[in-house]
Amino acid sequence: MLIHPTIDKLNSMRLTGMAKEVRTQLETPEIHNLPFEDRLALIVDMEFMERERRQLATRLKNAKMRQNAVLEDLDTRASRQIDRSLLASLSTCQWVKKKHNLLITGATGAGKTWLSCALSHTACRLGITTLYHRLPTLMQELDLARHDGRYKKVMKSIANADLLVLDDWGIAPMSPEQLRDLLEIIDERYHKSSTLITSQLPVANWHEALNDPTMADAILDRVLHNAYKIELKGEESMRKIRSKIDAAETM
């Protein structure tokens, strides 16, 4: 029996995992000692894993994360005062499934963006659609989108993400129109999906930073409700530490 036409058909139907496993079995004579059911299970398993891999790659690409980070590489030294039990809980992404928020604060270089990207990567691996934005850049993008007809499309993509990351919250002043955009984003996601926010400012200073008491009340009431909080600490910037490690590795 000619198997190559069958492999071609599998590929044409985008069953590439099955096609790869069939080829592997053809090149492994001892595989024929296994019962047909076991060989079929291997073929189906390979297709399942291939689809999982492609879906993860798509989620990671669409997330547009700023850094390629994974929790397995997290520095949890005592000086950083990271609550390991909280981190372990967050790594299950149950907080996302329960539509809770996460607020990460700390000084410049403390690793806020890195941690947000690492948690986002974990979410992607668990099948959660994720979208990363620097808040100042997002506000500028919405200003442009409002004038070129993309506004509804951009807002829809933000609303549809299971997990939205808003990095660099509070580092740039926002216009009244931008505050309205931010409120719409937060309100649309309230009790429907999760938002992860990073900021150099302590949470206690967010209200003042928004510079509009009424809008600040409305936004923060929704953001702070059911929110986990992580305050990253450390005497030395993680960027400086990383630079020292990279320099040592090149010596």
Protein backbone atom coordinates (compact mmCIF):
# COMPACT_ATOMS: atom_id res chain seq x y z
CA MET A 1 0.00 0.00 0.00
CA LEU A 2 1.33 3.46 -0.94
CA ILE A 3 1.28 5.60 2.18
CA HIS A 4 2.56 8.84 0.66
CA PRO A 5 -0.80 9.88 -0.87
CA THR A 6 -2.33 9.43 2.59
CA ILE A 7 0.36 11.65 4.13
CA ASP A 8 -0.28 14.25 1.42
CA LYS A 9 -4.00 14.19 2.24
CA LEU A 10 -3.28 14.62 5.96
CA ASN A 11 -1.14 17.66 5.18
CA SER A 12 -3.77 19.11 2.83
CA MET A 13 -6.29 18.83 5.69
CA ARG A 14 -3.77 20.56 7.97
CA LEU A 15 -3.37 17.43 10.07
CA THR A 16 0.38 17.98 10.14
CA GLY A 17 0.89 16.32 13.51
CA MET A 18 -0.70 13.11 12.28
CA ALA A 19 1.38 13.27 9.10
CA LYS A 20 4.61 13.65 11.10
CA GLU A 21 3.77 10.71 13.36
CA VAL A 22 2.87 8.48 10.40
CA ARG A 23 6.27 9.24 8.87
CA THR A 24 7.96 8.52 12.19
CA GLN A 25 6.22 5.18 12.47
CA LEU A 26 7.20 4.26 8.92
CA GLU A 27 10.84 4.93 9.86
CA THR A 28 10.59 2.92 13.10
CA PRO A 29 10.21 -0.80 12.28
CA GLU A 30 9.77 -1.88 15.90
CA ILE A 31 6.62 0.25 16.13
CA HIS A 32 4.80 -2.48 14.22
CA ASN A 33 5.03 -4.67 17.31
CA LEU A 34 2.49 -2.40 18.97
CA PRO A 35 -1.24 -3.05 18.59
CA PHE A 36 -3.07 -0.90 16.03
CA GLU A 37 -4.95 0.93 18.80
CA ASP A 38 -1.69 2.04 20.45
CA ARG A 39 -0.21 3.22 17.16
CA LEU A 40 -3.39 5.15 16.38
CA ALA A 41 -3.28 6.75 19.83
CA LEU A 42 0.28 7.95 19.17
CA ILE A 43 -0.82 9.49 15.88
CA VAL A 44 -3.77 11.28 17.49
CA ASP A 45 -1.64 12.44 20.43
CA MET A 46 0.91 13.97 18.05
CA GLU A 47 -1.83 15.88 16.23
CA PHE A 48 -3.23 17.12 19.54
CA MET A 49 0.19 18.35 20.69
CA GLU A 50 0.88 20.00 17.33
CA ARG A 51 -2.40 21.92 17.52
CA GLU A 52 -1.67 22.96 21.10
CA ARG A 53 1.75 24.23 19.99
CA ARG A 54 0.30 26.24 17.11
CA GLN A 55 -2.45 27.72 19.28
CA LEU A 56 0.08 28.74 21.95
CA ALA A 57 2.31 30.34 19.32
CA THR A 58 -0.69 32.31 18.04
CA ARG A 59 -1.69 33.46 21.53
CA LEU A 60 1.86 34.58 22.30
CA LYS A 61 2.12 36.43 18.99
CA ASN A 62 -1.22 38.19 19.49
CA ALA A 63 -0.36 39.11 23.08
CA LYS A 64 2.45 41.39 21.81
CA MET A 65 4.30 41.18 25.10
CA ARG A 66 7.19 43.55 25.63
CA GLN A 67 9.54 40.92 27.07
CA ASN A 68 10.03 37.20 26.59
CA ALA A 69 9.74 36.09 30.21
CA VAL A 70 8.71 32.92 32.03
CA LEU A 71 8.02 32.41 35.72
CA GLU A 72 10.58 29.61 35.92
CA ASP A 73 13.30 32.29 35.59
CA LEU A 74 11.92 34.56 38.32
CA ASP A 75 14.37 35.85 40.91
CA THR A 76 12.71 35.17 44.28
CA ARG A 77 15.52 36.24 46.60
CA ALA A 78 14.39 37.29 50.07
CA SER A 79 15.50 40.89 49.43
CA ARG A 80 12.78 41.29 46.82
CA GLN A 81 10.08 40.37 49.38
CA ILE A 82 7.95 38.46 46.90
CA ASP A 83 5.16 36.47 48.54
CA ARG A 84 5.90 33.03 47.12
CA SER A 85 2.56 31.56 48.18
CA LEU A 86 0.73 34.38 46.41
CA LEU A 87 2.90 33.91 43.33
CA ALA A 88 2.19 30.19 43.32
CA SER A 89 -1.52 30.94 43.51
CA LEU A 90 -1.31 33.49 40.68
CA SER A 91 0.60 31.03 38.49
CA THR A 92 -2.51 28.81 38.33
CA CYS A 93 -4.37 31.73 36.68
CA GLN A 94 -7.46 31.04 38.76
CA TRP A 95 -7.54 34.80 39.38
CA VAL A 96 -8.06 35.31 35.66
CA LYS A 97 -10.75 32.67 35.47
CA LYS A 98 -12.50 34.39 38.42
CA LYS A 99 -12.26 37.81 36.65
CA HIS A 100 -10.03 39.36 39.32
CA ASN A 101 -7.37 42.01 38.73
CA LEU A 102 -3.68 42.16 39.64
CA LEU A 103 -1.71 45.30 40.53
CA ILE A 104 2.11 45.21 40.45
CA THR A 105 3.97 48.23 41.80
CA GLY A 106 7.61 49.05 42.43
CA ALA A 107 10.46 51.38 41.56
CA THR A 108 11.94 51.71 38.10
CA GLY A 109 13.81 48.55 37.16
CA ALA A 110 12.24 46.44 39.90
CA GLY A 111 10.95 43.94 37.35
CA LYS A 112 7.29 44.92 37.04
CA THR A 113 7.12 44.56 33.26
CA TRP A 114 9.10 41.31 33.36
CA LEU A 115 6.77 39.78 35.95
CA SER A 116 3.66 40.93 34.10
CA CYS A 117 4.99 39.33 30.90
CA ALA A 118 5.92 36.13 32.73
CA LEU A 119 2.42 35.84 34.20
CA SER A 120 0.97 36.61 30.77
CA HIS A 121 3.10 33.85 29.24
CA THR A 122 1.73 31.44 31.84
CA ALA A 123 -1.80 32.56 30.98
CA CYS A 124 -1.17 31.93 27.28
CA ARG A 125 0.08 28.43 28.06
CA LEU A 126 -3.19 27.77 29.88
CA GLY A 127 -5.27 28.83 26.87
CA ILE A 128 -6.04 32.36 28.07
CA THR A 129 -6.09 35.11 25.44
CA THR A 130 -3.81 37.94 26.55
CA LEU A 131 -3.06 41.45 25.29
CA TYR A 132 -0.19 43.69 26.43
CA HIS A 133 -0.18 47.49 26.14
CA ARG A 134 1.89 50.28 27.63
CA LEU A 135 -0.85 52.58 28.88
CA PRO A 136 0.69 55.85 27.52
CA THR A 137 1.14 54.25 24.08
CA LEU A 138 -2.37 52.81 24.13
CA MET A 139 -3.85 56.22 24.86
CA GLN A 140 -1.95 57.67 21.89
CA GLU A 141 -3.10 54.80 19.70
CA LEU A 142 -6.74 55.39 20.66
CA ASP A 143 -6.36 59.09 19.84
CA LEU A 144 -5.16 58.15 16.35
CA ALA A 145 -7.73 55.37 15.96
CA ARG A 146 -10.53 57.80 16.71
CA HIS A 147 -9.55 59.83 13.66
CA ASP A 148 -8.75 57.05 11.18
CA GLY A 149 -11.79 54.85 11.79
CA ARG A 150 -10.11 52.09 13.82
CA TYR A 151 -11.41 53.14 17.22
CA LYS A 152 -14.17 50.53 17.56
CA LYS A 153 -11.86 47.77 16.31
CA VAL A 154 -9.12 48.62 18.81
CA MET A 155 -11.59 48.90 21.68
CA LYS A 156 -13.16 45.56 20.72
CA SER A 157 -9.77 43.80 20.75
CA ILE A 158 -9.12 45.22 24.22
CA ALA A 159 -12.54 44.17 25.50
CA ASN A 160 -12.23 40.63 24.09
CA ALA A 161 -8.92 39.76 25.78
CA ASP A 162 -9.31 37.46 28.78
CA LEU A 163 -6.30 39.19 30.33
CA LEU A 164 -5.32 42.77 29.55
CA VAL A 165 -1.94 44.09 30.70
CA LEU A 166 -1.68 47.85 31.18
CA ASP A 167 1.98 48.62 31.79
CA ASP A 168 3.38 51.94 33.07
CA TRP A 169 0.16 53.17 34.66
CA GLY A 170 0.36 56.75 35.91
CA ILE A 171 3.69 57.82 34.38
CA ALA A 172 2.13 60.30 31.93
CA PRO A 173 -0.77 62.75 32.39
CA MET A 174 -3.95 61.95 30.50
CA SER A 175 -6.36 64.31 28.80
CA PRO A 176 -10.07 64.30 29.72
CA GLU A 177 -10.77 62.32 26.54
CA GLN A 178 -8.11 59.75 27.41
CA LEU A 179 -9.54 59.39 30.90
CA ARG A 180 -12.93 58.68 29.34
CA ASP A 181 -11.30 56.04 27.13
CA LEU A 182 -9.65 54.47 30.17
CA LEU A 183 -12.94 54.42 32.07
CA GLU A 184 -14.68 52.79 29.12
CA ILE A 185 -11.98 50.11 28.95
CA ILE A 186 -12.11 49.38 32.67
CA ASP A 187 -15.90 49.50 32.80
CA GLU A 188 -16.28 47.18 29.80
CA ARG A 189 -14.01 44.62 31.45
CA TYR A 190 -15.45 44.94 34.96
CA HIS A 191 -16.63 41.51 36.21
CA LYS A 192 -16.12 40.15 32.66
CA SER A 193 -12.36 39.72 32.39
CA SER A 194 -9.09 40.47 34.20
CA THR A 195 -6.71 43.41 34.02
CA LEU A 196 -3.08 43.39 35.16
CA ILE A 197 -1.69 46.85 35.90
CA THR A 198 1.92 47.81 36.59
CA SER A 199 2.99 51.17 37.99
CA GLN A 200 5.95 52.97 39.53
CA LEU A 201 3.45 54.75 41.78
CA PRO A 202 2.10 53.18 44.97
CA VAL A 203 -1.59 52.37 44.66
CA ALA A 204 -2.34 55.04 47.27
CA ASN A 205 -1.13 57.70 44.80
CA TRP A 206 -3.17 56.56 41.79
CA HIS A 207 -6.19 58.69 42.60
CA GLU A 208 -4.15 61.90 42.63
CA ALA A 209 -2.22 60.89 39.50
CA LEU A 210 -5.42 60.63 37.46
CA ASN A 211 -5.99 64.33 38.19
CA ASP A 212 -9.78 64.18 38.02
CA PRO A 213 -11.49 63.16 41.28
CA THR A 214 -14.75 62.09 39.66
CA MET A 215 -13.14 60.00 36.94
CA ALA A 216 -10.57 58.64 39.40
CA ASP A 217 -13.35 57.44 41.72
CA ALA A 218 -15.13 55.66 38.86
CA ILE A 219 -11.99 54.06 37.44
CA LEU A 220 -10.35 52.99 40.69
CA ASP A 221 -13.58 51.66 42.18
CA ARG A 222 -13.61 49.08 39.37
CA VAL A 223 -9.84 48.48 39.27
CA LEU A 224 -9.31 47.93 43.00
CA HIS A 225 -12.33 45.68 43.49
CA ASN A 226 -11.18 42.06 43.88
CA ALA A 227 -7.58 43.00 43.02
CA TYR A 228 -4.44 41.18 44.15
CA LYS A 229 -1.44 43.38 44.89
CA ILE A 230 2.30 42.79 44.54
CA GLU A 231 4.84 45.42 45.59
CA LEU A 232 8.28 44.60 44.19
CA LYS A 233 11.23 45.71 46.29
CA GLY A 234 14.99 45.45 46.11
CA GLU A 235 17.96 47.66 46.75
CA GLU A 236 19.27 47.29 43.20
CA SER A 237 17.50 47.61 39.88
CA MET A 238 16.85 44.25 38.20
CA ARG A 239 18.09 45.80 34.96
CA LYS A 240 21.46 46.51 36.60
CA ILE A 241 21.59 43.00 38.04
CA ARG A 242 20.78 41.51 34.64
CA SER A 243 23.49 43.65 33.02
CA LYS A 244 26.06 42.39 35.52
CA ILE A 245 25.07 38.79 34.86
CA ASP A 246 25.26 39.28 31.09
CA ALA A 247 28.67 40.95 31.43
CA ALA A 248 29.97 38.10 33.59
CA GLU A 249 28.75 35.51 31.10
CA THR A 250 30.66 37.17 28.26
CA MET A 251 33.98 37.28 30.14
